[in-house]
Amino acid sequence: RRPGRVAEMVLRELSLLLLHDLRDPRLRGVTLTSVKMSDDLRQVRVFFSHCDGKSHAADAVKGFQSAEGFIRRNIGRALGLRYTPQFDFEFDPGLENAARVEALLRESRVRE
C-alpha cells in the first residue's frame, strides 16, 4: 500500500535530516523507531526513542516541534508529495522496555 511506502521514505529522509541537518541539542541521542502514515497521506506519527530514556523525551518532542517547519519543507521537497503531511512526534518506550526485560532475565540467570 502507498501509505506504507511513503512512511518508509519519510523515515529515511527524516533520519538523514536528523543525522546531518538538525542541530538542536534536544535531539541528540534520538533514534527514530517507526513512522505511521495516515491513509490520506496528510498525517504522520513519528515514533522515537532516546538514549537517556523517557526523562528526556519531552525535551526531544519540543525540539522536533520547533524544527517542524524545517522538517516539513525538506521532506516535501525530497518526496515531491502534493501535500506535505503534518507531523506528530511520540516517544516509543519499546527499546527501554526491552532493555529492562533483558536486565531482569540476566539477573534471574545470575541467581540460578
PDB file of N, CA and C in Angstrom:
ATOM      1  N   ARG A   1       0.823  -1.197   0.000  1.00  0.00           N
ATOM      2  CA  ARG A   1       0.000   0.000   0.000  1.00  0.00           C
ATOM      3  C   ARG A   1       0.859   1.249   0.000  1.00  0.00           C
ATOM      4  N   ARG A   2       0.342   2.276  -0.560  1.00  0.00           N
ATOM      5  CA  ARG A   2       1.097   3.513  -0.707  1.00  0.00           C
ATOM      6  C   ARG A   2       1.448   4.172   0.624  1.00  0.00           C
ATOM      7  N   PRO A   3       0.555   4.260   1.606  1.00  0.00           N
ATOM      8  CA  PRO A   3       0.956   4.890   2.872  1.00  0.00           C
ATOM      9  C   PRO A   3       2.167   4.226   3.525  1.00  0.00           C
ATOM     10  N   GLY A   4       2.267   2.913   3.397  1.00  0.00           N
ATOM     11  CA  GLY A   4       3.429   2.213   3.953  1.00  0.00           C
ATOM     12  C   GLY A   4       4.715   2.580   3.235  1.00  0.00           C
ATOM     13  N   ARG A   5       4.642   2.659   1.925  1.00  0.00           N
ATOM     14  CA  ARG A   5       5.838   3.031   1.147  1.00  0.00           C
ATOM     15  C   ARG A   5       6.251   4.463   1.446  1.00  0.00           C
ATOM     16  N   VAL A   6       5.276   5.370   1.511  1.00  0.00           N
ATOM     17  CA  VAL A   6       5.582   6.772   1.800  1.00  0.00           C
ATOM     18  C   VAL A   6       6.134   6.904   3.222  1.00  0.00           C
ATOM     19  N   ALA A   7       5.605   6.120   4.162  1.00  0.00           N
ATOM     20  CA  ALA A   7       6.105   6.155   5.541  1.00  0.00           C
ATOM     21  C   ALA A   7       7.572   5.746   5.588  1.00  0.00           C
ATOM     22  N   GLU A   8       7.953   4.727   4.822  1.00  0.00           N
ATOM     23  CA  GLU A   8       9.359   4.314   4.771  1.00  0.00           C
ATOM     24  C   GLU A   8      10.241   5.426   4.208  1.00  0.00           C
ATOM     25  N   MET A   9       9.751   6.109   3.177  1.00  0.00           N
ATOM     26  CA  MET A   9      10.534   7.207   2.596  1.00  0.00           C
ATOM     27  C   MET A   9      10.655   8.367   3.585  1.00  0.00           C
ATOM     28  N   VAL A  10       9.579   8.654   4.315  1.00  0.00           N
ATOM     29  CA  VAL A  10       9.621   9.714   5.320  1.00  0.00           C
ATOM     30  C   VAL A  10      10.629   9.353   6.406  1.00  0.00           C
ATOM     31  N   LEU A  11      10.626   8.100   6.847  1.00  0.00           N
ATOM     32  CA  LEU A  11      11.577   7.655   7.868  1.00  0.00           C
ATOM     33  C   LEU A  11      13.012   7.819   7.382  1.00  0.00           C
ATOM     34  N   ARG A  12      13.270   7.431   6.141  1.00  0.00           N
ATOM     35  CA  ARG A  12      14.621   7.559   5.589  1.00  0.00           C
ATOM     36  C   ARG A  12      15.051   9.029   5.505  1.00  0.00           C
ATOM     37  N   GLU A  13      14.177   9.891   4.978  1.00  0.00           N
ATOM     38  CA  GLU A  13      14.525  11.303   4.825  1.00  0.00           C
ATOM     39  C   GLU A  13      14.668  11.994   6.186  1.00  0.00           C
ATOM     40  N   LEU A  14      13.784  11.669   7.121  1.00  0.00           N
ATOM     41  CA  LEU A  14      13.861  12.266   8.443  1.00  0.00           C
ATOM     42  C   LEU A  14      15.120  11.805   9.176  1.00  0.00           C
ATOM     43  N   SER A  15      15.514  10.558   8.975  1.00  0.00           N
ATOM     44  CA  SER A  15      16.760  10.062   9.570  1.00  0.00           C
ATOM     45  C   SER A  15      17.961  10.830   9.031  1.00  0.00           C
ATOM     46  N   LEU A  16      17.956  11.082   7.731  1.00  0.00           N
ATOM     47  CA  LEU A  16      19.058  11.854   7.144  1.00  0.00           C
ATOM     48  C   LEU A  16      19.068  13.282   7.677  1.00  0.00           C
ATOM     49  N   LEU A  17      17.894  13.899   7.811  1.00  0.00           N
ATOM     50  CA  LEU A  17      17.829  15.252   8.374  1.00  0.00           C
ATOM     51  C   LEU A  17      18.345  15.268   9.809  1.00  0.00           C
ATOM     52  N   LEU A  18      17.964  14.273  10.580  1.00  0.00           N
ATOM     53  CA  LEU A  18      18.388  14.188  11.974  1.00  0.00           C
ATOM     54  C   LEU A  18      19.899  13.999  12.063  1.00  0.00           C
ATOM     55  N   LEU A  19      20.444  13.241  11.154  1.00  0.00           N
ATOM     56  CA  LEU A  19      21.870  12.951  11.162  1.00  0.00           C
ATOM     57  C   LEU A  19      22.718  14.131  10.689  1.00  0.00           C
ATOM     58  N   HIS A  20      22.248  14.847   9.655  1.00  0.00           N
ATOM     59  CA  HIS A  20      23.097  15.854   9.026  1.00  0.00           C
ATOM     60  C   HIS A  20      22.694  17.310   9.264  1.00  0.00           C
ATOM     61  N   ASP A  21      21.388  17.601   9.359  1.00  0.00           N
ATOM     62  CA  ASP A  21      20.957  18.988   9.301  1.00  0.00           C
ATOM     63  C   ASP A  21      20.369  19.550  10.587  1.00  0.00           C
ATOM     64  N   LEU A  22      19.744  18.729  11.395  1.00  0.00           N
ATOM     65  CA  LEU A  22      19.121  19.245  12.618  1.00  0.00           C
ATOM     66  C   LEU A  22      20.176  19.397  13.706  1.00  0.00           C
ATOM     67  N   ARG A  23      20.351  20.612  14.171  1.00  0.00           N
ATOM     68  CA  ARG A  23      21.419  20.915  15.125  1.00  0.00           C
ATOM     69  C   ARG A  23      20.911  21.157  16.545  1.00  0.00           C
ATOM     70  N   ASP A  24      19.634  20.953  16.777  1.00  0.00           N
ATOM     71  CA  ASP A  24      19.047  21.207  18.086  1.00  0.00           C
ATOM     72  C   ASP A  24      19.633  20.240  19.117  1.00  0.00           C
ATOM     73  N   PRO A  25      20.216  20.745  20.202  1.00  0.00           N
ATOM     74  CA  PRO A  25      20.812  19.848  21.205  1.00  0.00           C
ATOM     75  C   PRO A  25      19.789  18.946  21.890  1.00  0.00           C
ATOM     76  N   ARG A  26      18.514  19.314  21.862  1.00  0.00           N
ATOM     77  CA  ARG A  26      17.483  18.461  22.460  1.00  0.00           C
ATOM     78  C   ARG A  26      17.268  17.187  21.669  1.00  0.00           C
ATOM     79  N   LEU A  27      17.761  17.150  20.416  1.00  0.00           N
ATOM     80  CA  LEU A  27      17.571  15.981  19.566  1.00  0.00           C
ATOM     81  C   LEU A  27      18.783  15.057  19.551  1.00  0.00           C
ATOM     82  N   ARG A  28      19.798  15.369  20.350  1.00  0.00           N
ATOM     83  CA  ARG A  28      20.950  14.472  20.440  1.00  0.00           C
ATOM     84  C   ARG A  28      20.541  13.228  21.211  1.00  0.00           C
ATOM     85  N   GLY A  29      20.928  12.083  20.727  1.00  0.00           N
ATOM     86  CA  GLY A  29      20.586  10.826  21.375  1.00  0.00           C
ATOM     87  C   GLY A  29      19.250  10.258  20.961  1.00  0.00           C
ATOM     88  N   VAL A  30      18.609  10.858  19.960  1.00  0.00           N
ATOM     89  CA  VAL A  30      17.306  10.399  19.492  1.00  0.00           C
ATOM     90  C   VAL A  30      17.506   9.373  18.380  1.00  0.00           C
ATOM     91  N   THR A  31      16.745   8.287  18.454  1.00  0.00           N
ATOM     92  CA  THR A  31      16.730   7.259  17.421  1.00  0.00           C
ATOM     93  C   THR A  31      15.303   7.094  16.938  1.00  0.00           C
ATOM     94  N   LEU A  32      15.097   7.195  15.640  1.00  0.00           N
ATOM     95  CA  LEU A  32      13.764   7.017  15.079  1.00  0.00           C
ATOM     96  C   LEU A  32      13.467   5.529  15.003  1.00  0.00           C
ATOM     97  N   THR A  33      12.304   5.121  15.514  1.00  0.00           N
ATOM     98  CA  THR A  33      11.961   3.704  15.530  1.00  0.00           C
ATOM     99  C   THR A  33      10.957   3.338  14.448  1.00  0.00           C
ATOM    100  N   SER A  34       9.947   4.174  14.214  1.00  0.00           N
ATOM    101  CA  SER A  34       8.982   3.865  13.159  1.00  0.00           C
ATOM    102  C   SER A  34       8.190   5.114  12.786  1.00  0.00           C
ATOM    103  N   VAL A  35       7.503   5.005  11.663  1.00  0.00           N
ATOM    104  CA  VAL A  35       6.654   6.085  11.167  1.00  0.00           C
ATOM    105  C   VAL A  35       5.335   5.470  10.733  1.00  0.00           C
ATOM    106  N   LYS A  36       4.241   6.057  11.161  1.00  0.00           N
ATOM    107  CA  LYS A  36       2.901   5.625  10.749  1.00  0.00           C
ATOM    108  C   LYS A  36       2.281   6.755   9.938  1.00  0.00           C
ATOM    109  N   MET A  37       1.805   6.432   8.749  1.00  0.00           N
ATOM    110  CA  MET A  37       1.224   7.417   7.838  1.00  0.00           C
ATOM    111  C   MET A  37      -0.271   7.174   7.723  1.00  0.00           C
ATOM    112  N   SER A  38      -1.051   8.240   7.742  1.00  0.00           N
ATOM    113  CA  SER A  38      -2.494   8.102   7.556  1.00  0.00           C
ATOM    114  C   SER A  38      -2.782   7.701   6.110  1.00  0.00           C
ATOM    115  N   ASP A  39      -3.970   7.166   5.870  1.00  0.00           N
ATOM    116  CA  ASP A  39      -4.326   6.702   4.526  1.00  0.00           C
ATOM    117  C   ASP A  39      -4.377   7.832   3.499  1.00  0.00           C
ATOM    118  N   ASP A  40      -4.720   9.042   3.950  1.00  0.00           N
ATOM    119  CA  ASP A  40      -4.779  10.168   3.015  1.00  0.00           C
ATOM    120  C   ASP A  40      -3.442  10.905   2.887  1.00  0.00           C
ATOM    121  N   LEU A  41      -2.399  10.402   3.533  1.00  0.00           N
ATOM    122  CA  LEU A  41      -1.027  10.934   3.467  1.00  0.00           C
ATOM    123  C   LEU A  41      -0.905  12.356   4.022  1.00  0.00           C
ATOM    124  N   ARG A  42      -1.802  12.739   4.918  1.00  0.00           N
ATOM    125  CA  ARG A  42      -1.754  14.097   5.459  1.00  0.00           C
ATOM    126  C   ARG A  42      -1.290  14.161   6.900  1.00  0.00           C
ATOM    127  N   GLN A  43      -1.205  13.029   7.578  1.00  0.00           N
ATOM    128  CA  GLN A  43      -0.748  12.972   8.967  1.00  0.00           C
ATOM    129  C   GLN A  43       0.340  11.920   9.082  1.00  0.00           C
ATOM    130  N   VAL A  44       1.387  12.254   9.811  1.00  0.00           N
ATOM    131  CA  VAL A  44       2.482  11.322  10.069  1.00  0.00           C
ATOM    132  C   VAL A  44       2.724  11.284  11.563  1.00  0.00           C
ATOM    133  N   ARG A  45       2.795  10.080  12.110  1.00  0.00           N
ATOM    134  CA  ARG A  45       3.191   9.906  13.506  1.00  0.00           C
ATOM    135  C   ARG A  45       4.583   9.295  13.503  1.00  0.00           C
ATOM    136  N   VAL A  46       5.530  10.018  14.098  1.00  0.00           N
ATOM    137  CA  VAL A  46       6.913   9.575  14.151  1.00  0.00           C
ATOM    138  C   VAL A  46       7.186   9.097  15.572  1.00  0.00           C
ATOM    139  N   PHE A  47       7.641   7.854  15.693  1.00  0.00           N
ATOM    140  CA  PHE A  47       7.981   7.289  16.991  1.00  0.00           C
ATOM    141  C   PHE A  47       9.492   7.275  17.131  1.00  0.00           C
ATOM    142  N   PHE A  48       9.957   7.666  18.306  1.00  0.00           N
ATOM    143  CA  PHE A  48      11.395   7.730  18.547  1.00  0.00           C
ATOM    144  C   PHE A  48      11.716   7.219  19.936  1.00  0.00           C
ATOM    145  N   SER A  49      12.965   6.851  20.123  1.00  0.00           N
ATOM    146  CA  SER A  49      13.465   6.517  21.451  1.00  0.00           C
ATOM    147  C   SER A  49      14.630   7.460  21.740  1.00  0.00           C
ATOM    148  N   HIS A  50      15.005   7.527  22.991  1.00  0.00           N
ATOM    149  CA  HIS A  50      16.088   8.418  23.409  1.00  0.00           C
ATOM    150  C   HIS A  50      17.072   7.610  24.225  1.00  0.00           C
ATOM    151  N   CYS A  51      18.355   7.833  23.994  1.00  0.00           N
ATOM    152  CA  CYS A  51      19.373   7.038  24.693  1.00  0.00           C
ATOM    153  C   CYS A  51      19.346   7.288  26.204  1.00  0.00           C
ATOM    154  N   ASP A  52      18.834   8.435  26.647  1.00  0.00           N
ATOM    155  CA  ASP A  52      18.743   8.735  28.072  1.00  0.00           C
ATOM    156  C   ASP A  52      17.387   8.351  28.654  1.00  0.00           C
ATOM    157  N   GLY A  53      16.546   7.724  27.871  1.00  0.00           N
ATOM    158  CA  GLY A  53      15.267   7.225  28.347  1.00  0.00           C
ATOM    159  C   GLY A  53      14.165   8.256  28.309  1.00  0.00           C
ATOM    160  N   LYS A  54      13.105   7.919  29.021  1.00  0.00           N
ATOM    161  CA  LYS A  54      11.895   8.726  28.982  1.00  0.00           C
ATOM    162  C   LYS A  54      12.078  10.107  29.604  1.00  0.00           C
ATOM    163  N   SER A  55      13.091  10.267  30.445  1.00  0.00           N
ATOM    164  CA  SER A  55      13.291  11.548  31.121  1.00  0.00           C
ATOM    165  C   SER A  55      13.572  12.693  30.147  1.00  0.00           C
ATOM    166  N   HIS A  56      14.158  12.396  28.999  1.00  0.00           N
ATOM    167  CA  HIS A  56      14.476  13.429  28.008  1.00  0.00           C
ATOM    168  C   HIS A  56      13.498  13.453  26.833  1.00  0.00           C
ATOM    169  N   ALA A  57      12.466  12.634  26.895  1.00  0.00           N
ATOM    170  CA  ALA A  57      11.527  12.535  25.770  1.00  0.00           C
ATOM    171  C   ALA A  57      10.759  13.833  25.548  1.00  0.00           C
ATOM    172  N   ALA A  58      10.331  14.492  26.622  1.00  0.00           N
ATOM    173  CA  ALA A  58       9.563  15.729  26.468  1.00  0.00           C
ATOM    174  C   ALA A  58      10.403  16.819  25.805  1.00  0.00           C
ATOM    175  N   ASP A  59      11.685  16.910  26.174  1.00  0.00           N
ATOM    176  CA  ASP A  59      12.570  17.887  25.533  1.00  0.00           C
ATOM    177  C   ASP A  59      12.760  17.562  24.054  1.00  0.00           C
ATOM    178  N   ALA A  60      12.879  16.268  23.736  1.00  0.00           N
ATOM    179  CA  ALA A  60      13.051  15.873  22.336  1.00  0.00           C
ATOM    180  C   ALA A  60      11.805  16.222  21.525  1.00  0.00           C
ATOM    181  N   VAL A  61      10.630  16.036  22.103  1.00  0.00           N
ATOM    182  CA  VAL A  61       9.392  16.394  21.400  1.00  0.00           C
ATOM    183  C   VAL A  61       9.364  17.895  21.131  1.00  0.00           C
ATOM    184  N   LYS A  62       9.774  18.686  22.119  1.00  0.00           N
ATOM    185  CA  LYS A  62       9.840  20.141  21.918  1.00  0.00           C
ATOM    186  C   LYS A  62      10.846  20.502  20.830  1.00  0.00           C
ATOM    187  N   GLY A  63      11.961  19.795  20.785  1.00  0.00           N
ATOM    188  CA  GLY A  63      12.952  20.031  19.732  1.00  0.00           C
ATOM    189  C   GLY A  63      12.401  19.712  18.360  1.00  0.00           C
ATOM    190  N   PHE A  64      11.687  18.592  18.250  1.00  0.00           N
ATOM    191  CA  PHE A  64      11.064  18.242  16.981  1.00  0.00           C
ATOM    192  C   PHE A  64      10.015  19.267  16.582  1.00  0.00           C
ATOM    193  N   GLN A  65       9.212  19.713  17.543  1.00  0.00           N
ATOM    194  CA  GLN A  65       8.160  20.679  17.233  1.00  0.00           C
ATOM    195  C   GLN A  65       8.736  22.011  16.778  1.00  0.00           C
ATOM    196  N   SER A  66       9.858  22.424  17.366  1.00  0.00           N
ATOM    197  CA  SER A  66      10.452  23.689  16.940  1.00  0.00           C
ATOM    198  C   SER A  66      11.061  23.582  15.540  1.00  0.00           C
ATOM    199  N   ALA A  67      11.440  22.386  15.143  1.00  0.00           N
ATOM    200  CA  ALA A  67      12.028  22.187  13.816  1.00  0.00           C
ATOM    201  C   ALA A  67      11.021  21.667  12.798  1.00  0.00           C
ATOM    202  N   GLU A  68       9.745  21.632  13.153  1.00  0.00           N
ATOM    203  CA  GLU A  68       8.749  21.020  12.275  1.00  0.00           C
ATOM    204  C   GLU A  68       8.656  21.709  10.917  1.00  0.00           C
ATOM    205  N   GLY A  69       8.729  23.015  10.876  1.00  0.00           N
ATOM    206  CA  GLY A  69       8.680  23.721   9.598  1.00  0.00           C
ATOM    207  C   GLY A  69       9.830  23.337   8.692  1.00  0.00           C
ATOM    208  N   PHE A  70      11.023  23.284   9.253  1.00  0.00           N
ATOM    209  CA  PHE A  70      12.209  22.866   8.503  1.00  0.00           C
ATOM    210  C   PHE A  70      12.050  21.431   8.008  1.00  0.00           C
ATOM    211  N   ILE A  71      11.558  20.561   8.890  1.00  0.00           N
ATOM    212  CA  ILE A  71      11.374  19.153   8.539  1.00  0.00           C
ATOM    213  C   ILE A  71      10.341  19.016   7.421  1.00  0.00           C
ATOM    214  N   ARG A  72       9.197  19.677   7.550  1.00  0.00           N
ATOM    215  CA  ARG A  72       8.143  19.586   6.536  1.00  0.00           C
ATOM    216  C   ARG A  72       8.628  20.095   5.182  1.00  0.00           C
ATOM    217  N   ARG A  73       9.346  21.215   5.200  1.00  0.00           N
ATOM    218  CA  ARG A  73       9.824  21.799   3.940  1.00  0.00           C
ATOM    219  C   ARG A  73      10.785  20.841   3.233  1.00  0.00           C
ATOM    220  N   ASN A  74      11.739  20.291   3.971  1.00  0.00           N
ATOM    221  CA  ASN A  74      12.726  19.409   3.350  1.00  0.00           C
ATOM    222  C   ASN A  74      12.137  18.073   2.914  1.00  0.00           C
ATOM    223  N   ILE A  75      11.247  17.520   3.699  1.00  0.00           N
ATOM    224  CA  ILE A  75      10.634  16.251   3.306  1.00  0.00           C
ATOM    225  C   ILE A  75       9.681  16.457   2.136  1.00  0.00           C
ATOM    226  N   GLY A  76       8.961  17.572   2.122  1.00  0.00           N
ATOM    227  CA  GLY A  76       8.094  17.871   0.985  1.00  0.00           C
ATOM    228  C   GLY A  76       8.867  17.985  -0.311  1.00  0.00           C
ATOM    229  N   ARG A  77      10.029  18.624  -0.250  1.00  0.00           N
ATOM    230  CA  ARG A  77      10.867  18.742  -1.456  1.00  0.00           C
ATOM    231  C   ARG A  77      11.423  17.389  -1.868  1.00  0.00           C
ATOM    232  N   ALA A  78      11.904  16.621  -0.893  1.00  0.00           N
ATOM    233  CA  ALA A  78      12.548  15.348  -1.206  1.00  0.00           C
ATOM    234  C   ALA A  78      11.574  14.326  -1.775  1.00  0.00           C
ATOM    235  N   LEU A  79      10.352  14.298  -1.269  1.00  0.00           N
ATOM    236  CA  LEU A  79       9.397  13.276  -1.695  1.00  0.00           C
ATOM    237  C   LEU A  79       8.490  13.724  -2.834  1.00  0.00           C
ATOM    238  N   GLY A  80       8.363  15.023  -3.042  1.00  0.00           N
ATOM    239  CA  GLY A  80       7.537  15.512  -4.139  1.00  0.00           C
ATOM    240  C   GLY A  80       6.061  15.208  -3.969  1.00  0.00           C
ATOM    241  N   LEU A  81       5.582  15.224  -2.741  1.00  0.00           N
ATOM    242  CA  LEU A  81       4.166  14.965  -2.484  1.00  0.00           C
ATOM    243  C   LEU A  81       3.337  16.212  -2.791  1.00  0.00           C
ATOM    244  N   ARG A  82       2.087  16.006  -3.151  1.00  0.00           N
ATOM    245  CA  ARG A  82       1.197  17.131  -3.414  1.00  0.00           C
ATOM    246  C   ARG A  82       0.975  17.946  -2.141  1.00  0.00           C
ATOM    247  N   TYR A  83       0.743  17.248  -1.024  1.00  0.00           N
ATOM    248  CA  TYR A  83       0.568  17.902   0.271  1.00  0.00           C
ATOM    249  C   TYR A  83       1.630  17.390   1.232  1.00  0.00           C
ATOM    250  N   THR A  84       2.295  18.305   1.883  1.00  0.00           N
ATOM    251  CA  THR A  84       3.263  17.902   2.891  1.00  0.00           C
ATOM    252  C   THR A  84       2.506  17.583   4.176  1.00  0.00           C
ATOM    253  N   PRO A  85       2.736  16.408   4.749  1.00  0.00           N
ATOM    254  CA  PRO A  85       1.933  15.996   5.911  1.00  0.00           C
ATOM    255  C   PRO A  85       2.291  16.762   7.184  1.00  0.00           C
ATOM    256  N   GLN A  86       1.342  16.759   8.120  1.00  0.00           N
ATOM    257  CA  GLN A  86       1.564  17.287   9.467  1.00  0.00           C
ATOM    258  C   GLN A  86       2.255  16.196  10.276  1.00  0.00           C
ATOM    259  N   PHE A  87       3.169  16.589  11.145  1.00  0.00           N
ATOM    260  CA  PHE A  87       3.941  15.633  11.922  1.00  0.00           C
ATOM    261  C   PHE A  87       3.518  15.646  13.380  1.00  0.00           C
ATOM    262  N   ASP A  88       3.400  14.445  13.953  1.00  0.00           N
ATOM    263  CA  ASP A  88       3.220  14.259  15.386  1.00  0.00           C
ATOM    264  C   ASP A  88       4.374  13.382  15.856  1.00  0.00           C
ATOM    265  N   PHE A  89       5.024  13.792  16.931  1.00  0.00           N
ATOM    266  CA  PHE A  89       6.172  13.058  17.440  1.00  0.00           C
ATOM    267  C   PHE A  89       5.823  12.439  18.787  1.00  0.00           C
ATOM    268  N   GLU A  90       6.112  11.129  18.925  1.00  0.00           N
ATOM    269  CA  GLU A  90       5.786  10.411  20.148  1.00  0.00           C
ATOM    270  C   GLU A  90       6.970   9.566  20.590  1.00  0.00           C
ATOM    271  N   PHE A  91       7.175   9.523  21.897  1.00  0.00           N
ATOM    272  CA  PHE A  91       8.211   8.679  22.473  1.00  0.00           C
ATOM    273  C   PHE A  91       7.769   7.223  22.402  1.00  0.00           C
ATOM    274  N   ASP A  92       8.664   6.351  21.998  1.00  0.00           N
ATOM    275  CA  ASP A  92       8.392   4.919  21.896  1.00  0.00           C
ATOM    276  C   ASP A  92       9.170   4.202  23.000  1.00  0.00           C
ATOM    277  N   PRO A  93       8.487   3.709  24.026  1.00  0.00           N
ATOM    278  CA  PRO A  93       9.196   3.075  25.143  1.00  0.00           C
ATOM    279  C   PRO A  93       9.622   1.637  24.853  1.00  0.00           C
ATOM    280  N   GLY A  94       9.446   1.158  23.653  1.00  0.00           N
ATOM    281  CA  GLY A  94       9.745  -0.232  23.315  1.00  0.00           C
ATOM    282  C   GLY A  94      11.178  -0.639  23.595  1.00  0.00           C
ATOM    283  N   LEU A  95      12.148   0.160  23.177  1.00  0.00           N
ATOM    284  CA  LEU A  95      13.551  -0.185  23.408  1.00  0.00           C
ATOM    285  C   LEU A  95      13.891  -0.146  24.889  1.00  0.00           C
ATOM    286  N   GLU A  96      13.334   0.825  25.588  1.00  0.00           N
ATOM    287  CA  GLU A  96      13.566   0.932  27.026  1.00  0.00           C
ATOM    288  C   GLU A  96      12.985  -0.281  27.751  1.00  0.00           C
ATOM    289  N   ASN A  97      11.794  -0.697  27.365  1.00  0.00           N
ATOM    290  CA  ASN A  97      11.173  -1.876  27.968  1.00  0.00           C
ATOM    291  C   ASN A  97      11.959  -3.142  27.656  1.00  0.00           C
ATOM    292  N   ALA A  98      12.453  -3.265  26.443  1.00  0.00           N
ATOM    293  CA  ALA A  98      13.244  -4.435  26.062  1.00  0.00           C
ATOM    294  C   ALA A  98      14.529  -4.506  26.872  1.00  0.00           C
ATOM    295  N   ALA A  99      15.171  -3.367  27.091  1.00  0.00           N
ATOM    296  CA  ALA A  99      16.400  -3.354  27.892  1.00  0.00           C
ATOM    297  C   ALA A  99      16.097  -3.745  29.338  1.00  0.00           C
ATOM    298  N   ARG A 100      14.972  -3.298  29.865  1.00  0.00           N
ATOM    299  CA  ARG A 100      14.604  -3.640  31.235  1.00  0.00           C
ATOM    300  C   ARG A 100      14.328  -5.130  31.367  1.00  0.00           C
ATOM    301  N   VAL A 101      13.612  -5.721  30.407  1.00  0.00           N
ATOM    302  CA  VAL A 101      13.336  -7.155  30.427  1.00  0.00           C
ATOM    303  C   VAL A 101      14.624  -7.951  30.322  1.00  0.00           C
ATOM    304  N   GLU A 102      15.532  -7.519  29.462  1.00  0.00           N
ATOM    305  CA  GLU A 102      16.806  -8.217  29.323  1.00  0.00           C
ATOM    306  C   GLU A 102      17.605  -8.162  30.614  1.00  0.00           C
ATOM    307  N   ALA A 103      17.597  -7.008  31.274  1.00  0.00           N
ATOM    308  CA  ALA A 103      18.300  -6.896  32.554  1.00  0.00           C
ATOM    309  C   ALA A 103      17.686  -7.825  33.601  1.00  0.00           C
ATOM    310  N   LEU A 104      16.369  -7.939  33.618  1.00  0.00           N
ATOM    311  CA  LEU A 104      15.704  -8.846  34.555  1.00  0.00           C
ATOM    312  C   LEU A 104      16.041 -10.298  34.255  1.00  0.00           C
ATOM    313  N   LEU A 105      16.095 -10.660  32.979  1.00  0.00           N
ATOM    314  CA  LEU A 105      16.464 -12.022  32.609  1.00  0.00           C
ATOM    315  C   LEU A 105      17.908 -12.327  32.997  1.00  0.00           C
ATOM    316  N   ARG A 106      18.788 -11.385  32.765  1.00  0.00           N
ATOM    317  CA  ARG A 106      20.190 -11.554  33.145  1.00  0.00           C
ATOM    318  C   ARG A 106      20.316 -11.733  34.660  1.00  0.00           C
ATOM    319  N   GLU A 107      19.546 -10.943  35.401  1.00  0.00           N
ATOM    320  CA  GLU A 107      19.572 -11.033  36.849  1.00  0.00           C
ATOM    321  C   GLU A 107      19.041 -12.388  37.329  1.00  0.00           C
ATOM    322  N   SER A 108      18.017 -12.909  36.681  1.00  0.00           N
ATOM    323  CA  SER A 108      17.477 -14.219  37.077  1.00  0.00           C
ATOM    324  C   SER A 108      18.461 -15.339  36.785  1.00  0.00           C
ATOM    325  N   ARG A 109      19.244 -15.225  35.716  1.00  0.00           N
ATOM    326  CA  ARG A 109      20.260 -16.233  35.405  1.00  0.00           C
ATOM    327  C   ARG A 109      21.360 -16.246  36.445  1.00  0.00           C
ATOM    328  N   VAL A 110      21.716 -15.083  36.971  1.00  0.00           N
ATOM    329  CA  VAL A 110      22.771 -14.983  37.981  1.00  0.00           C
ATOM    330  C   VAL A 110      22.320 -15.655  39.267  1.00  0.00           C
ATOM    331  N   ARG A 111      21.057 -15.554  39.598  1.00  0.00           N
ATOM    332  CA  ARG A 111      20.520 -16.142  40.832  1.00  0.00           C
ATOM    333  C   ARG A 111      20.510 -17.660  40.777  1.00  0.00           C
ATOM    334  N   GLU A 112      20.398 -18.231  39.579  1.00  0.00           N
ATOM    335  CA  GLU A 112      20.304 -19.698  39.458  1.00  0.00           C
ATOM    336  C   GLU A 112      21.581 -20.359  39.724  1.00  0.00           C
TER     337      GLU A 112
END
